[in-house]
Structures are given as structure tokens and as C-alpha cells.
Full PDB file with SEQRES, HELIX, SHEET, SSBOND, CRYST1, ORIGX, SCALE, CONECT and MASTER records, all heavy atoms in Angstrom:
SEQRES   1 A   33  ARG ASP ASN ILE ALA ASN PHE GLY GLY ASP PRO GLY ARG          
SEQRES   2 A   33  VAL MET ILE PHE GLY GLN SER GLY GLY GLY ALA LYS VAL          
SEQRES   3 A   33  VAL THR LEU MET ALA MET ALA                                  
HELIX    1 AA1 ILE A    4  PHE A    7  5                                   4    
HELIX    2 AA2 GLY A   21  MET A   30  1                                  10    
CRYST1    1.000    1.000    1.000  90.00  90.00  90.00 P 1           1          
ORIGX1      1.000000  0.000000  0.000000        0.00000                         
ORIGX2      0.000000  1.000000  0.000000        0.00000                         
ORIGX3      0.000000  0.000000  1.000000        0.00000                         
SCALE1      1.000000  0.000000  0.000000        0.00000                         
SCALE2      0.000000  1.000000  0.000000        0.00000                         
SCALE3      0.000000  0.000000  1.000000        0.00000                         
ATOM      1  N   ARG A   1       0.903  -1.249   0.003  1.00  0.00           N  
ATOM      2  CA  ARG A   1      -0.005   0.011   0.008  1.00  0.00           C  
ATOM      3  C   ARG A   1       0.865   1.333  -0.042  1.00  0.00           C  
ATOM      4  O   ARG A   1       0.546   2.202  -0.707  1.00  0.00           O  
ATOM      5  CB  ARG A   1      -0.941   0.022   1.181  1.00  0.00           C  
ATOM      6  CG  ARG A   1      -1.755   1.204   1.422  1.00  0.00           C  
ATOM      7  CD  ARG A   1      -2.344   1.332   2.772  1.00  0.00           C  
ATOM      8  NE  ARG A   1      -1.274   1.424   3.841  1.00  0.00           N  
ATOM      9  CZ  ARG A   1      -1.388   1.170   5.132  1.00  0.00           C  
ATOM     10  NH1 ARG A   1      -2.524   0.870   5.569  1.00  0.00           N  
ATOM     11  NH2 ARG A   1      -0.400   1.291   5.931  1.00  0.00           N  
ATOM     12  N   ASP A   2       1.950   1.233   0.728  1.00  0.00           N  
ATOM     13  CA  ASP A   2       2.651   2.505   1.038  1.00  0.00           C  
ATOM     14  C   ASP A   2       3.928   2.693   0.040  1.00  0.00           C  
ATOM     15  O   ASP A   2       4.366   3.779  -0.109  1.00  0.00           O  
ATOM     16  CB  ASP A   2       3.279   2.446   2.455  1.00  0.00           C  
ATOM     17  CG  ASP A   2       2.235   2.408   3.502  1.00  0.00           C  
ATOM     18  OD1 ASP A   2       1.164   2.825   3.267  1.00  0.00           O  
ATOM     19  OD2 ASP A   2       2.477   2.051   4.610  1.00  0.00           O  
ATOM     20  N   ASN A   3       4.208   1.633  -0.664  1.00  0.00           N  
ATOM     21  CA  ASN A   3       5.462   1.688  -1.563  1.00  0.00           C  
ATOM     22  C   ASN A   3       5.267   1.340  -2.956  1.00  0.00           C  
ATOM     23  O   ASN A   3       6.087   1.639  -3.818  1.00  0.00           O  
ATOM     24  CB  ASN A   3       6.532   0.752  -0.904  1.00  0.00           C  
ATOM     25  CG  ASN A   3       6.952   1.279   0.458  1.00  0.00           C  
ATOM     26  OD1 ASN A   3       7.813   2.252   0.562  1.00  0.00           O  
ATOM     27  ND2 ASN A   3       6.512   0.733   1.459  1.00  0.00           N  
ATOM     28  N   ILE A   4       4.273   0.559  -3.335  1.00  0.00           N  
ATOM     29  CA  ILE A   4       4.230  -0.006  -4.649  1.00  0.00           C  
ATOM     30  C   ILE A   4       4.019   1.044  -5.793  1.00  0.00           C  
ATOM     31  O   ILE A   4       4.437   0.801  -6.911  1.00  0.00           O  
ATOM     32  CB  ILE A   4       3.004  -1.073  -4.679  1.00  0.00           C  
ATOM     33  CG1 ILE A   4       3.386  -2.154  -5.851  1.00  0.00           C  
ATOM     34  CG2 ILE A   4       1.675  -0.426  -5.046  1.00  0.00           C  
ATOM     35  CD1 ILE A   4       4.585  -2.955  -5.414  1.00  0.00           C  
ATOM     36  N   ALA A   5       3.508   2.204  -5.461  1.00  0.00           N  
ATOM     37  CA  ALA A   5       3.404   3.260  -6.494  1.00  0.00           C  
ATOM     38  C   ALA A   5       4.718   3.609  -7.042  1.00  0.00           C  
ATOM     39  O   ALA A   5       4.946   3.981  -8.207  1.00  0.00           O  
ATOM     40  CB  ALA A   5       2.673   4.464  -5.937  1.00  0.00           C  
ATOM     41  N   ASN A   6       5.846   3.542  -6.157  1.00  0.00           N  
ATOM     42  CA  ASN A   6       7.172   3.817  -6.591  1.00  0.00           C  
ATOM     43  C   ASN A   6       7.732   2.698  -7.444  1.00  0.00           C  
ATOM     44  O   ASN A   6       8.852   2.937  -8.059  1.00  0.00           O  
ATOM     45  CB  ASN A   6       8.070   3.965  -5.397  1.00  0.00           C  
ATOM     46  CG  ASN A   6       7.829   5.241  -4.674  1.00  0.00           C  
ATOM     47  OD1 ASN A   6       7.154   6.183  -5.083  1.00  0.00           O  
ATOM     48  ND2 ASN A   6       8.318   5.379  -3.440  1.00  0.00           N  
ATOM     49  N   PHE A   7       7.050   1.538  -7.595  1.00  0.00           N  
ATOM     50  CA  PHE A   7       7.429   0.411  -8.497  1.00  0.00           C  
ATOM     51  C   PHE A   7       6.459   0.364  -9.655  1.00  0.00           C  
ATOM     52  O   PHE A   7       6.414  -0.677 -10.329  1.00  0.00           O  
ATOM     53  CB  PHE A   7       7.452  -0.830  -7.642  1.00  0.00           C  
ATOM     54  CG  PHE A   7       8.566  -0.890  -6.583  1.00  0.00           C  
ATOM     55  CD1 PHE A   7       8.344  -0.268  -5.394  1.00  0.00           C  
ATOM     56  CD2 PHE A   7       9.714  -1.588  -6.860  1.00  0.00           C  
ATOM     57  CE1 PHE A   7       9.313  -0.441  -4.392  1.00  0.00           C  
ATOM     58  CE2 PHE A   7      10.665  -1.720  -5.917  1.00  0.00           C  
ATOM     59  CZ  PHE A   7      10.576  -1.090  -4.637  1.00  0.00           C  
ATOM     60  N   GLY A   8       5.768   1.418  -9.963  1.00  0.00           N  
ATOM     61  CA  GLY A   8       4.821   1.402 -11.059  1.00  0.00           C  
ATOM     62  C   GLY A   8       3.480   0.766 -10.751  1.00  0.00           C  
ATOM     63  O   GLY A   8       2.706   0.613 -11.790  1.00  0.00           O  
ATOM     64  N   GLY A   9       3.244   0.520  -9.597  1.00  0.00           N  
ATOM     65  CA  GLY A   9       1.941  -0.182  -9.230  1.00  0.00           C  
ATOM     66  C   GLY A   9       0.907   0.699  -8.723  1.00  0.00           C  
ATOM     67  O   GLY A   9       1.120   1.890  -8.331  1.00  0.00           O  
ATOM     68  N   ASP A  10      -0.326   0.194  -8.634  1.00  0.00           N  
ATOM     69  CA  ASP A  10      -1.479   0.915  -8.110  1.00  0.00           C  
ATOM     70  C   ASP A  10      -1.857   0.333  -6.853  1.00  0.00           C  
ATOM     71  O   ASP A  10      -2.441  -0.810  -6.716  1.00  0.00           O  
ATOM     72  CB  ASP A  10      -2.604   0.870  -9.168  1.00  0.00           C  
ATOM     73  CG  ASP A  10      -3.861   1.618  -8.755  1.00  0.00           C  
ATOM     74  OD1 ASP A  10      -3.910   2.235  -7.675  1.00  0.00           O  
ATOM     75  OD2 ASP A  10      -4.847   1.698  -9.554  1.00  0.00           O  
ATOM     76  N   PRO A  11      -1.696   1.143  -5.695  1.00  0.00           N  
ATOM     77  CA  PRO A  11      -2.142   0.511  -4.430  1.00  0.00           C  
ATOM     78  C   PRO A  11      -3.705   0.400  -4.276  1.00  0.00           C  
ATOM     79  O   PRO A  11      -4.096  -0.291  -3.309  1.00  0.00           O  
ATOM     80  CB  PRO A  11      -1.580   1.635  -3.479  1.00  0.00           C  
ATOM     81  CG  PRO A  11      -1.491   2.801  -4.170  1.00  0.00           C  
ATOM     82  CD  PRO A  11      -1.153   2.346  -5.612  1.00  0.00           C  
ATOM     83  N   GLY A  12      -4.397   0.937  -5.168  1.00  0.00           N  
ATOM     84  CA  GLY A  12      -5.839   0.836  -5.263  1.00  0.00           C  
ATOM     85  C   GLY A  12      -6.320  -0.371  -6.062  1.00  0.00           C  
ATOM     86  O   GLY A  12      -7.567  -0.600  -6.108  1.00  0.00           O  
ATOM     87  N   ARG A  13      -5.403  -1.139  -6.651  1.00  0.00           N  
ATOM     88  CA  ARG A  13      -5.766  -2.338  -7.393  1.00  0.00           C  
ATOM     89  C   ARG A  13      -4.877  -3.460  -7.037  1.00  0.00           C  
ATOM     90  O   ARG A  13      -3.996  -3.815  -7.781  1.00  0.00           O  
ATOM     91  CB  ARG A  13      -5.791  -2.050  -8.888  1.00  0.00           C  
ATOM     92  CG  ARG A  13      -6.964  -1.389  -9.503  1.00  0.00           C  
ATOM     93  CD  ARG A  13      -6.915  -1.450 -11.045  1.00  0.00           C  
ATOM     94  NE  ARG A  13      -5.860  -0.734 -11.553  1.00  0.00           N  
ATOM     95  CZ  ARG A  13      -5.560  -0.681 -12.921  1.00  0.00           C  
ATOM     96  NH1 ARG A  13      -6.317  -1.396 -13.694  1.00  0.00           N  
ATOM     97  NH2 ARG A  13      -4.520  -0.059 -13.283  1.00  0.00           N  
ATOM     98  N   VAL A  14      -4.993  -4.058  -5.915  1.00  0.00           N  
ATOM     99  CA  VAL A  14      -4.143  -5.098  -5.299  1.00  0.00           C  
ATOM    100  C   VAL A  14      -5.004  -6.302  -5.300  1.00  0.00           C  
ATOM    101  O   VAL A  14      -6.031  -6.491  -4.762  1.00  0.00           O  
ATOM    102  CB  VAL A  14      -3.604  -4.731  -3.951  1.00  0.00           C  
ATOM    103  CG1 VAL A  14      -2.788  -5.909  -3.366  1.00  0.00           C  
ATOM    104  CG2 VAL A  14      -2.760  -3.561  -3.912  1.00  0.00           C  
ATOM    105  N   MET A  15      -4.369  -7.380  -5.966  1.00  0.00           N  
ATOM    106  CA  MET A  15      -5.042  -8.723  -5.902  1.00  0.00           C  
ATOM    107  C   MET A  15      -4.186  -9.674  -5.121  1.00  0.00           C  
ATOM    108  O   MET A  15      -2.835  -9.655  -5.309  1.00  0.00           O  
ATOM    109  CB  MET A  15      -5.173  -9.242  -7.307  1.00  0.00           C  
ATOM    110  CG  MET A  15      -5.481 -10.704  -7.439  1.00  0.00           C  
ATOM    111  SD  MET A  15      -5.589 -11.261  -9.213  1.00  0.00           S  
ATOM    112  CE  MET A  15      -5.572 -13.116  -8.981  1.00  0.00           C  
ATOM    113  N   ILE A  16      -4.697 -10.421  -4.262  1.00  0.00           N  
ATOM    114  CA  ILE A  16      -3.853 -11.430  -3.518  1.00  0.00           C  
ATOM    115  C   ILE A  16      -4.303 -12.783  -4.121  1.00  0.00           C  
ATOM    116  O   ILE A  16      -5.497 -13.004  -4.359  1.00  0.00           O  
ATOM    117  CB  ILE A  16      -4.085 -11.402  -1.978  1.00  0.00           C  
ATOM    118  CG1 ILE A  16      -5.514 -11.576  -1.580  1.00  0.00           C  
ATOM    119  CG2 ILE A  16      -3.544 -10.105  -1.416  1.00  0.00           C  
ATOM    120  CD1 ILE A  16      -5.712 -11.724  -0.068  1.00  0.00           C  
ATOM    121  N   PHE A  17      -3.414 -13.745  -4.276  1.00  0.00           N  
ATOM    122  CA  PHE A  17      -3.627 -15.010  -4.825  1.00  0.00           C  
ATOM    123  C   PHE A  17      -2.689 -15.975  -4.172  1.00  0.00           C  
ATOM    124  O   PHE A  17      -1.534 -15.564  -3.697  1.00  0.00           O  
ATOM    125  CB  PHE A  17      -3.805 -15.112  -6.231  1.00  0.00           C  
ATOM    126  CG  PHE A  17      -2.444 -14.773  -7.049  1.00  0.00           C  
ATOM    127  CD1 PHE A  17      -1.934 -15.779  -7.889  1.00  0.00           C  
ATOM    128  CD2 PHE A  17      -1.766 -13.638  -6.842  1.00  0.00           C  
ATOM    129  CE1 PHE A  17      -0.714 -15.410  -8.586  1.00  0.00           C  
ATOM    130  CE2 PHE A  17      -0.658 -13.315  -7.597  1.00  0.00           C  
ATOM    131  CZ  PHE A  17      -0.070 -14.275  -8.540  1.00  0.00           C  
ATOM    132  N   GLY A  18      -3.009 -17.197  -4.152  1.00  0.00           N  
ATOM    133  CA  GLY A  18      -2.099 -18.231  -3.502  1.00  0.00           C  
ATOM    134  C   GLY A  18      -2.657 -19.612  -3.755  1.00  0.00           C  
ATOM    135  O   GLY A  18      -3.833 -19.833  -4.126  1.00  0.00           O  
ATOM    136  N   GLN A  19      -1.716 -20.609  -3.659  1.00  0.00           N  
ATOM    137  CA  GLN A  19      -2.060 -21.999  -3.956  1.00  0.00           C  
ATOM    138  C   GLN A  19      -1.884 -22.904  -2.673  1.00  0.00           C  
ATOM    139  O   GLN A  19      -0.967 -22.667  -1.848  1.00  0.00           O  
ATOM    140  CB  GLN A  19      -1.172 -22.529  -5.028  1.00  0.00           C  
ATOM    141  CG  GLN A  19      -1.506 -23.910  -5.614  1.00  0.00           C  
ATOM    142  CD  GLN A  19      -0.895 -25.018  -4.777  1.00  0.00           C  
ATOM    143  OE1 GLN A  19       0.068 -24.874  -4.142  1.00  0.00           O  
ATOM    144  NE2 GLN A  19      -1.530 -26.266  -4.957  1.00  0.00           N  
ATOM    145  N   SER A  20      -2.782 -23.772  -2.438  1.00  0.00           N  
ATOM    146  CA  SER A  20      -2.735 -24.671  -1.302  1.00  0.00           C  
ATOM    147  C   SER A  20      -2.746 -23.893  -0.050  1.00  0.00           C  
ATOM    148  O   SER A  20      -3.696 -23.082   0.272  1.00  0.00           O  
ATOM    149  CB  SER A  20      -1.526 -25.582  -1.477  1.00  0.00           C  
ATOM    150  OG  SER A  20      -1.642 -26.705  -0.571  1.00  0.00           O  
ATOM    151  N   GLY A  21      -1.676 -24.005   0.788  1.00  0.00           N  
ATOM    152  CA  GLY A  21      -1.642 -23.276   2.113  1.00  0.00           C  
ATOM    153  C   GLY A  21      -1.758 -21.761   1.802  1.00  0.00           C  
ATOM    154  O   GLY A  21      -2.194 -20.934   2.530  1.00  0.00           O  
ATOM    155  N   GLY A  22      -1.080 -21.299   0.567  1.00  0.00           N  
ATOM    156  CA  GLY A  22      -1.244 -19.885   0.271  1.00  0.00           C  
ATOM    157  C   GLY A  22      -2.673 -19.529  -0.032  1.00  0.00           C  
ATOM    158  O   GLY A  22      -3.067 -18.452   0.271  1.00  0.00           O  
ATOM    159  N   GLY A  23      -3.408 -20.374  -0.751  1.00  0.00           N  
ATOM    160  CA  GLY A  23      -4.809 -20.076  -0.904  1.00  0.00           C  
ATOM    161  C   GLY A  23      -5.583 -20.067   0.301  1.00  0.00           C  
ATOM    162  O   GLY A  23      -6.510 -19.235   0.479  1.00  0.00           O  
ATOM    163  N   ALA A  24      -5.241 -20.864   1.304  1.00  0.00           N  
ATOM    164  CA  ALA A  24      -5.883 -20.888   2.635  1.00  0.00           C  
ATOM    165  C   ALA A  24      -5.578 -19.497   3.360  1.00  0.00           C  
ATOM    166  O   ALA A  24      -6.390 -18.977   3.972  1.00  0.00           O  
ATOM    167  CB  ALA A  24      -5.341 -22.000   3.466  1.00  0.00           C  
ATOM    168  N   LYS A  25      -4.381 -19.049   3.113  1.00  0.00           N  
ATOM    169  CA  LYS A  25      -4.084 -17.719   3.706  1.00  0.00           C  
ATOM    170  C   LYS A  25      -4.882 -16.525   3.076  1.00  0.00           C  
ATOM    171  O   LYS A  25      -5.291 -15.686   3.816  1.00  0.00           O  
ATOM    172  CB  LYS A  25      -2.473 -17.422   3.559  1.00  0.00           C  
ATOM    173  CG  LYS A  25      -1.568 -18.436   4.258  1.00  0.00           C  
ATOM    174  CD  LYS A  25      -0.151 -18.292   3.766  1.00  0.00           C  
ATOM    175  CE  LYS A  25       0.611 -19.575   4.168  1.00  0.00           C  
ATOM    176  NZ  LYS A  25       1.961 -19.633   3.481  1.00  0.00           N  
ATOM    177  N   VAL A  26      -5.065 -16.703   1.843  1.00  0.00           N  
ATOM    178  CA  VAL A  26      -5.934 -15.735   1.105  1.00  0.00           C  
ATOM    179  C   VAL A  26      -7.280 -15.661   1.703  1.00  0.00           C  
ATOM    180  O   VAL A  26      -7.824 -14.557   2.091  1.00  0.00           O  
ATOM    181  CB  VAL A  26      -6.073 -16.096  -0.397  1.00  0.00           C  
ATOM    182  CG1 VAL A  26      -7.114 -15.326  -1.063  1.00  0.00           C  
ATOM    183  CG2 VAL A  26      -4.688 -15.782  -1.035  1.00  0.00           C  
ATOM    184  N   VAL A  27      -8.002 -16.839   1.880  1.00  0.00           N  
ATOM    185  CA  VAL A  27      -9.346 -16.802   2.372  1.00  0.00           C  
ATOM    186  C   VAL A  27      -9.463 -16.411   3.799  1.00  0.00           C  
ATOM    187  O   VAL A  27     -10.359 -15.883   4.370  1.00  0.00           O  
ATOM    188  CB  VAL A  27     -10.122 -18.122   2.110  1.00  0.00           C  
ATOM    189  CG1 VAL A  27     -10.268 -18.348   0.614  1.00  0.00           C  
ATOM    190  CG2 VAL A  27      -9.412 -19.339   2.777  1.00  0.00           C  
ATOM    191  N   THR A  28      -8.356 -16.774   4.540  1.00  0.00           N  
ATOM    192  CA  THR A  28      -8.265 -16.395   6.007  1.00  0.00           C  
ATOM    193  C   THR A  28      -8.191 -14.820   6.051  1.00  0.00           C  
ATOM    194  O   THR A  28      -8.852 -14.276   6.927  1.00  0.00           O  
ATOM    195  CB  THR A  28      -7.101 -17.045   6.771  1.00  0.00           C  
ATOM    196  OG1 THR A  28      -7.231 -18.502   6.611  1.00  0.00           O  
ATOM    197  CG2 THR A  28      -7.033 -16.705   8.093  1.00  0.00           C  
ATOM    198  N   LEU A  29      -7.345 -14.158   5.253  1.00  0.00           N  
ATOM    199  CA  LEU A  29      -7.211 -12.782   5.319  1.00  0.00           C  
ATOM    200  C   LEU A  29      -8.595 -12.149   4.880  1.00  0.00           C  
ATOM    201  O   LEU A  29      -8.910 -11.039   5.398  1.00  0.00           O  
ATOM    202  CB  LEU A  29      -6.164 -12.332   4.330  1.00  0.00           C  
ATOM    203  CG  LEU A  29      -4.731 -11.934   5.056  1.00  0.00           C  
ATOM    204  CD1 LEU A  29      -4.254 -13.158   5.837  1.00  0.00           C  
ATOM    205  CD2 LEU A  29      -3.742 -11.445   4.106  1.00  0.00           C  
ATOM    206  N   MET A  30      -9.340 -12.733   4.039  1.00  0.00           N  
ATOM    207  CA  MET A  30     -10.718 -12.303   3.656  1.00  0.00           C  
ATOM    208  C   MET A  30     -11.596 -12.143   4.965  1.00  0.00           C  
ATOM    209  O   MET A  30     -12.544 -11.452   5.026  1.00  0.00           O  
ATOM    210  CB  MET A  30     -11.254 -13.071   2.605  1.00  0.00           C  
ATOM    211  CG  MET A  30     -10.585 -12.946   1.303  1.00  0.00           C  
ATOM    212  SD  MET A  30     -11.321 -13.894   0.022  1.00  0.00           S  
ATOM    213  CE  MET A  30     -12.868 -12.956  -0.362  1.00  0.00           C  
ATOM    214  N   ALA A  31     -11.261 -12.989   5.891  1.00  0.00           N  
ATOM    215  CA  ALA A  31     -12.104 -13.099   7.167  1.00  0.00           C  
ATOM    216  C   ALA A  31     -11.596 -12.115   8.243  1.00  0.00           C  
ATOM    217  O   ALA A  31     -12.042 -12.180   9.375  1.00  0.00           O  
ATOM    218  CB  ALA A  31     -12.154 -14.520   7.659  1.00  0.00           C  
ATOM    219  N   MET A  32     -10.432 -11.441   7.923  1.00  0.00           N  
ATOM    220  CA  MET A  32      -9.815 -10.623   8.931  1.00  0.00           C  
ATOM    221  C   MET A  32     -10.027  -9.144   8.628  1.00  0.00           C  
ATOM    222  O   MET A  32      -9.598  -8.717   7.507  1.00  0.00           O  
ATOM    223  CB  MET A  32      -8.272 -10.869   9.035  1.00  0.00           C  
ATOM    224  CG  MET A  32      -8.005 -12.302   9.399  1.00  0.00           C  
ATOM    225  SD  MET A  32      -6.286 -12.783   9.299  1.00  0.00           S  
ATOM    226  CE  MET A  32      -5.581 -11.765  10.519  1.00  0.00           C  
ATOM    227  N   ALA A  33     -10.654  -8.337   9.516  1.00  0.00           N  
ATOM    228  CA  ALA A  33     -10.961  -6.993   9.248  1.00  0.00           C  
ATOM    229  C   ALA A  33      -9.766  -6.133   8.963  1.00  0.00           C  
ATOM    230  O   ALA A  33      -9.853  -5.200   8.140  1.00  0.00           O  
ATOM    231  CB  ALA A  33     -11.787  -6.434  10.458  1.00  0.00           C  
TER     232      ALA A  33                                                      
MASTER        0    0    0    2    0    0    0    6  231    1    0    3          
END                                                                             
């Protein structure tokens, strides 16, 4: 959020993705305010 604009990215368009345990972390973060 704080730095990615300096790398050409948009902090307002961030996608998280992951496989297996990484996918589990994705859905867990969706449950975390």
C-alpha cells in the first residue's frame, strides 16, 4: 500500500492469490478486518 506506487503499481488495485496453504491464507485474510 505504502510503496508499490514507486514500483509502477497501483495501491488501489491489489489482488492477492495463492495455492494450497497460500490459498488458505488468502481466504483467511478475507475473514480478517
